[in-house]
Each structure stands twice: as structure tokens, then as C-alpha cells.
């Protein structure tokens, strides 16, 4: 009989990142924050980095500094906070994975007493948030 090892998304990300100086972001951060269940066949892990790396498991988004990025600890690595992640995805709503964003917002809503209280959406992202808000509320209950 074969032994199967179930590894968490955080374990897999930690192994892929190794010692690189990066911040997990985007859909990958939603997975780390347990707001999105992910996909069976995941793409590369989305990270912010100060330079373009060569790790094929990572999808590098280069930034000039980490100073303005709100983060939380995920064990051996850091990822963007829920506020940062939602604002990042909403700022590029036209190219965002709408299913992942919808599920994550719905999970946030239900985990926070059926409210978006505590979520700080920037004013420039409010139109995109308002566009998806009601669908996120209804996502798990089917209407």
C-alpha cells in the first residue's frame, strides 16, 4: 500500500520559494490566506520581488521597494495581507481571475460575520469592488 502525503499550499510555496527574498502576492496570497481554495493544476506562484529571478516555479512581479506593501507572516515566508491582495487584484480587475476574486471576497465576507468590515478598499478600486460585491455575497448561497 502506498503512503500518501498531504502537503499544505503553504508547504509547497515555502519549498518553491526557498531562500529568495520575495513576497507572495495575487492569487497565491489568497491561497495562503485560506480565502481561495486554488486550482488542481496551479500556475507558477505569484511573488513580488526586487529583481527578476530565474526560478521557473515563481511568477515574478518586480517592484522598486517592499516598503509600501502590507504583508503578513505565513510561517517561513511572507505574503500580502488581505487588504493589499484585494486592492492589488481590484486595481487590475480587467485582467484578474474573477472566479478566484469572487470566491475570496465571499469567503472574507462569511468569515467576518457577513460583512466586509475591516476590508480597506482604496477609492480608486471601489468601482471594481462595487461591481463584484453583491455576487461575492451571494456566491456560497446561490442567490
C-alpha atoms as a PDB file:
ATOM      1  CA  UNK A   1       0.000   0.000   0.000  1.00  0.00           C
ATOM      2  CA  UNK A   2       1.268   3.448  -0.919  1.00  0.00           C
ATOM      3  CA  UNK A   3       1.597   6.189   1.647  1.00  0.00           C
ATOM      4  CA  UNK A   4       0.155   9.467   0.535  1.00  0.00           C
ATOM      5  CA  UNK A   5       1.438  12.685   1.981  1.00  0.00           C
ATOM      6  CA  UNK A   6      -0.902  15.625   2.007  1.00  0.00           C
ATOM      7  CA  UNK A   7       1.022  18.858   1.889  1.00  0.00           C
ATOM      8  CA  UNK A   8      -0.465  22.264   2.502  1.00  0.00           C
ATOM      9  CA  UNK A   9      -0.275  25.049  -0.045  1.00  0.00           C
ATOM     10  CA  UNK A  10       1.960  26.891   2.410  1.00  0.00           C
ATOM     11  CA  UNK A  11       4.395  23.962   2.491  1.00  0.00           C
ATOM     12  CA  UNK A  12       4.532  23.830  -1.297  1.00  0.00           C
ATOM     13  CA  UNK A  13       5.055  27.578  -1.587  1.00  0.00           C
ATOM     14  CA  UNK A  14       7.731  27.552   1.105  1.00  0.00           C
ATOM     15  CA  UNK A  15       9.602  24.795  -0.748  1.00  0.00           C
ATOM     16  CA  UNK A  16       9.314  26.631  -4.083  1.00  0.00           C
ATOM     17  CA  UNK A  17      10.486  29.965  -2.690  1.00  0.00           C
ATOM     18  CA  UNK A  18      13.426  28.582  -0.778  1.00  0.00           C
ATOM     19  CA  UNK A  19      15.569  31.449   0.470  1.00  0.00           C
ATOM     20  CA  UNK A  20      14.514  34.004  -2.171  1.00  0.00           C
ATOM     21  CA  UNK A  21      13.641  37.478  -0.908  1.00  0.00           C
ATOM     22  CA  UNK A  22      10.079  37.700  -2.229  1.00  0.00           C
ATOM     23  CA  UNK A  23       6.533  38.437  -1.070  1.00  0.00           C
ATOM     24  CA  UNK A  24       3.799  36.034  -2.157  1.00  0.00           C
ATOM     25  CA  UNK A  25       1.024  38.017  -3.844  1.00  0.00           C
ATOM     26  CA  UNK A  26      -2.099  37.818  -6.003  1.00  0.00           C
ATOM     27  CA  UNK A  27      -3.990  34.539  -6.262  1.00  0.00           C
ATOM     28  CA  UNK A  28      -1.138  32.751  -4.483  1.00  0.00           C
ATOM     29  CA  UNK A  29      -1.598  35.065  -1.471  1.00  0.00           C
ATOM     30  CA  UNK A  30      -5.344  34.352  -1.455  1.00  0.00           C
ATOM     31  CA  UNK A  31      -4.485  30.659  -1.212  1.00  0.00           C
ATOM     32  CA  UNK A  32      -2.038  31.275   1.661  1.00  0.00           C
ATOM     33  CA  UNK A  33      -4.656  33.356   3.470  1.00  0.00           C
ATOM     34  CA  UNK A  34      -7.159  30.479   3.068  1.00  0.00           C
ATOM     35  CA  UNK A  35      -9.526  32.744   1.151  1.00  0.00           C
ATOM     36  CA  UNK A  36      -9.311  30.820  -2.128  1.00  0.00           C
ATOM     37  CA  UNK A  37      -9.174  27.058  -2.458  1.00  0.00           C
ATOM     38  CA  UNK A  38      -6.958  27.211  -5.538  1.00  0.00           C
ATOM     39  CA  UNK A  39      -6.914  25.109  -8.633  1.00  0.00           C
ATOM     40  CA  UNK A  40      -5.917  21.476  -9.048  1.00  0.00           C
ATOM     41  CA  UNK A  41      -3.264  22.433 -11.595  1.00  0.00           C
ATOM     42  CA  UNK A  42      -1.742  25.655 -10.273  1.00  0.00           C
ATOM     43  CA  UNK A  43       0.327  28.013 -12.315  1.00  0.00           C
ATOM     44  CA  UNK A  44       3.546  29.499 -11.029  1.00  0.00           C
ATOM     45  CA  UNK A  45       3.435  31.139  -7.616  1.00  0.00           C
ATOM     46  CA  UNK A  46       2.921  34.901  -7.858  1.00  0.00           C
ATOM     47  CA  UNK A  47       5.511  36.925  -5.983  1.00  0.00           C
ATOM     48  CA  UNK A  48       6.707  40.490  -5.650  1.00  0.00           C
ATOM     49  CA  UNK A  49      10.466  40.726  -5.964  1.00  0.00           C
ATOM     50  CA  UNK A  50      13.077  43.450  -6.229  1.00  0.00           C
ATOM     51  CA  UNK A  51      14.558  41.842  -9.339  1.00  0.00           C
ATOM     52  CA  UNK A  52      13.556  39.300 -11.937  1.00  0.00           C
ATOM     53  CA  UNK A  53      14.541  35.870 -10.726  1.00  0.00           C
ATOM     54  CA  UNK A  54      15.081  32.636 -12.591  1.00  0.00           C
ATOM     55  CA  UNK A  55      13.028  30.174 -10.549  1.00  0.00           C
ATOM     56  CA  UNK A  56      10.514  28.651 -13.005  1.00  0.00           C
ATOM     57  CA  UNK A  57       8.094  27.949 -10.135  1.00  0.00           C
ATOM     58  CA  UNK A  58       7.724  31.685  -9.476  1.00  0.00           C
ATOM     59  CA  UNK A  59       5.929  34.357 -11.468  1.00  0.00           C
ATOM     60  CA  UNK A  60       7.946  37.487 -10.630  1.00  0.00           C
ATOM     61  CA  UNK A  61       6.311  40.925 -10.394  1.00  0.00           C
ATOM     62  CA  UNK A  62       9.197  43.326  -9.863  1.00  0.00           C
ATOM     63  CA  UNK A  63       8.794  46.342  -7.607  1.00  0.00           C
ATOM     64  CA  UNK A  64      11.229  49.070  -6.610  1.00  0.00           C
ATOM     65  CA  UNK A  65      10.718  48.522  -2.884  1.00  0.00           C
ATOM     66  CA  UNK A  66       8.799  46.361  -0.423  1.00  0.00           C
ATOM     67  CA  UNK A  67       8.252  49.381   1.857  1.00  0.00           C
ATOM     68  CA  UNK A  68       4.693  50.185   0.745  1.00  0.00           C
ATOM     69  CA  UNK A  69       3.469  46.576   0.570  1.00  0.00           C
ATOM     70  CA  UNK A  70       1.315  45.448   3.503  1.00  0.00           C
ATOM     71  CA  UNK A  71       2.289  41.899   4.481  1.00  0.00           C
ATOM     72  CA  UNK A  72       1.520  39.140   6.948  1.00  0.00           C
ATOM     73  CA  UNK A  73       3.632  36.195   8.050  1.00  0.00           C
ATOM     74  CA  UNK A  74       2.813  32.780   6.605  1.00  0.00           C
ATOM     75  CA  UNK A  75       5.301  30.743   8.573  1.00  0.00           C
ATOM     76  CA  UNK A  76       8.630  30.700   6.759  1.00  0.00           C
ATOM     77  CA  UNK A  77       7.640  33.374   4.213  1.00  0.00           C
ATOM     78  CA  UNK A  78       5.510  36.498   3.920  1.00  0.00           C
ATOM     79  CA  UNK A  79       2.541  37.226   1.721  1.00  0.00           C
ATOM     80  CA  UNK A  80       0.475  40.292   1.036  1.00  0.00           C
ATOM     81  CA  UNK A  81      -2.275  40.994   3.567  1.00  0.00           C
ATOM     82  CA  UNK A  82      -5.930  40.518   2.621  1.00  0.00           C
ATOM     83  CA  UNK A  83      -6.291  44.290   2.161  1.00  0.00           C
ATOM     84  CA  UNK A  84      -3.198  44.511  -0.036  1.00  0.00           C
ATOM     85  CA  UNK A  85      -4.156  41.441  -2.065  1.00  0.00           C
ATOM     86  CA  UNK A  86      -7.729  42.536  -2.729  1.00  0.00           C
ATOM     87  CA  UNK A  87      -6.607  46.037  -3.671  1.00  0.00           C
ATOM     88  CA  UNK A  88      -3.898  44.659  -5.965  1.00  0.00           C
ATOM     89  CA  UNK A  89      -6.382  42.414  -7.769  1.00  0.00           C
ATOM     90  CA  UNK A  90      -9.108  45.062  -7.939  1.00  0.00           C
ATOM     91  CA  UNK A  91      -6.655  47.614  -9.365  1.00  0.00           C
ATOM     92  CA  UNK A  92      -6.196  45.308 -12.363  1.00  0.00           C
ATOM     93  CA  UNK A  93      -9.746  43.940 -12.345  1.00  0.00           C
ATOM     94  CA  UNK A  94      -9.881  43.592 -16.151  1.00  0.00           C
ATOM     95  CA  UNK A  95      -7.036  41.049 -16.018  1.00  0.00           C
ATOM     96  CA  UNK A  96      -7.763  39.480 -12.625  1.00  0.00           C
ATOM     97  CA  UNK A  97      -9.007  35.935 -12.171  1.00  0.00           C
ATOM     98  CA  UNK A  98     -12.609  36.836 -11.424  1.00  0.00           C
ATOM     99  CA  UNK A  99     -13.531  33.397 -10.056  1.00  0.00           C
ATOM    100  CA  UNK A 100     -10.679  33.481  -7.542  1.00  0.00           C
ATOM    101  CA  UNK A 101     -11.502  37.060  -6.559  1.00  0.00           C
ATOM    102  CA  UNK A 102     -15.202  36.253  -6.201  1.00  0.00           C
ATOM    103  CA  UNK A 103     -14.585  33.173  -4.047  1.00  0.00           C
ATOM    104  CA  UNK A 104     -12.049  35.000  -1.883  1.00  0.00           C
ATOM    105  CA  UNK A 105     -14.299  38.014  -1.308  1.00  0.00           C
ATOM    106  CA  UNK A 106     -17.194  35.695  -0.485  1.00  0.00           C
ATOM    107  CA  UNK A 107     -15.071  33.770   1.995  1.00  0.00           C
ATOM    108  CA  UNK A 108     -13.873  37.014   3.573  1.00  0.00           C
ATOM    109  CA  UNK A 109     -17.495  38.193   3.861  1.00  0.00           C
ATOM    110  CA  UNK A 110     -18.682  34.988   5.527  1.00  0.00           C
ATOM    111  CA  UNK A 111     -15.630  34.671   7.808  1.00  0.00           C
ATOM    112  CA  UNK A 112     -16.189  38.231   9.074  1.00  0.00           C
ATOM    113  CA  UNK A 113     -19.798  37.931  10.230  1.00  0.00           C
ATOM    114  CA  UNK A 114     -21.382  38.537   6.831  1.00  0.00           C
ATOM    115  CA  UNK A 115     -19.729  41.893   6.420  1.00  0.00           C
ATOM    116  CA  UNK A 116     -16.819  43.401   4.569  1.00  0.00           C
ATOM    117  CA  UNK A 117     -15.964  45.384   7.692  1.00  0.00           C
ATOM    118  CA  UNK A 118     -12.227  45.576   8.199  1.00  0.00           C
ATOM    119  CA  UNK A 119     -11.540  45.420   4.483  1.00  0.00           C
ATOM    120  CA  UNK A 120      -9.996  48.690   3.341  1.00  0.00           C
ATOM    121  CA  UNK A 121     -10.639  49.128  -0.370  1.00  0.00           C
ATOM    122  CA  UNK A 122      -8.945  52.189  -1.843  1.00  0.00           C
ATOM    123  CA  UNK A 123     -11.156  54.786  -3.502  1.00  0.00           C
ATOM    124  CA  UNK A 124      -9.759  54.044  -6.969  1.00  0.00           C
ATOM    125  CA  UNK A 125     -10.713  50.372  -6.547  1.00  0.00           C
ATOM    126  CA  UNK A 126     -14.253  50.993  -5.265  1.00  0.00           C
ATOM    127  CA  UNK A 127     -15.911  50.836  -8.730  1.00  0.00           C
ATOM    128  CA  UNK A 128     -14.483  47.354  -9.328  1.00  0.00           C
ATOM    129  CA  UNK A 129     -15.362  46.300  -5.768  1.00  0.00           C
ATOM    130  CA  UNK A 130     -18.909  47.614  -6.143  1.00  0.00           C
ATOM    131  CA  UNK A 131     -19.190  45.664  -9.406  1.00  0.00           C
ATOM    132  CA  UNK A 132     -18.421  42.341  -7.704  1.00  0.00           C
ATOM    133  CA  UNK A 133     -19.667  42.929  -4.134  1.00  0.00           C
ATOM    134  CA  UNK A 134     -23.198  41.512  -4.483  1.00  0.00           C
ATOM    135  CA  UNK A 135     -22.010  38.488  -6.442  1.00  0.00           C
ATOM    136  CA  UNK A 136     -19.476  37.775  -3.689  1.00  0.00           C
ATOM    137  CA  UNK A 137     -22.196  37.977  -1.031  1.00  0.00           C
ATOM    138  CA  UNK A 138     -24.371  35.506  -2.959  1.00  0.00           C
ATOM    139  CA  UNK A 139     -21.546  33.226  -4.141  1.00  0.00           C
ATOM    140  CA  UNK A 140     -21.878  30.480  -1.499  1.00  0.00           C
ATOM    141  CA  UNK A 141     -25.618  30.670  -1.022  1.00  0.00           C
ATOM    142  CA  UNK A 142     -26.561  30.596  -4.705  1.00  0.00           C
ATOM    143  CA  UNK A 143     -28.591  33.768  -4.662  1.00  0.00           C
END
